[in-house]
Amino acid sequence: MQHDFLQPPEAPITPQGTAWSDPVSPRHLRLEVVTDGRRLVGIVQQPTAARLVDLLNWTEEAALALADVEITPLELHGEAAHRSPLAHVRKQAIAFTIPREEGPVAVNRRPLEYVEKRQWRVSALLARFLVSGYLHLPPAADPANASLFWNAGFVALTDAEAVFLPNPATTWKAAVIIVNSARAEAYCPPATPAGE
């Protein structure tokens, strides 16, 4: 049986008039969270305009709170999806996350310490997943230095794909997949940057 998790579940409940509408108020982001055995799709509230990867890495919370959650087992053995108004997912249990909607576009805005980055196609092998995508590093950084990956916490990979190793027909493709580097068993850097 093939499962394609490119699209989130049907009929999401989206906060009315709050999703990325007011730059001062908290933002609501539809998010897919994947653990070793489950897929949870819900809405996370971001207290600021921070990127999701920053929210995962910089908050002291041990769990990520999702609202309006649909929970689906990765290995379907007749188990139906479960809906819950709220779920707290331990960050340690997260294999990877995928934002399922775009945030506001910052026109010509860059952080004060912005540095141009180079893209490197890398792979991370987790216990039950292989995740591949572009890791963005400053030009002087060496992607072969594994500590850049291991010490990063949650790592954003762009133009990414994840494969569920027990059933390789189950895949995810997304503009961004955020990998929990603490769950990775191996990090595979490339020999040259993308496009060279």
Foldseek 3Di string as FASTA:
>chain_A
DFDEPADPDPDADDDPPAAQNDQQAWHKFWKWFDFLWKIKTFIFTHRHLDDPLCVLPPDPDQWTKGAFIWIDTPDCPPDDIDTDRIDTHGLVRTFKMATPDDHDDDPPDDDPPDAAWFWWWKWFAFPFKIKIATFTDHPVDDVVPCCVQLVSAWGKGAQMKMAGRVDRSYMYGHRIMIGGSPRTPDMGTDPDTPPD
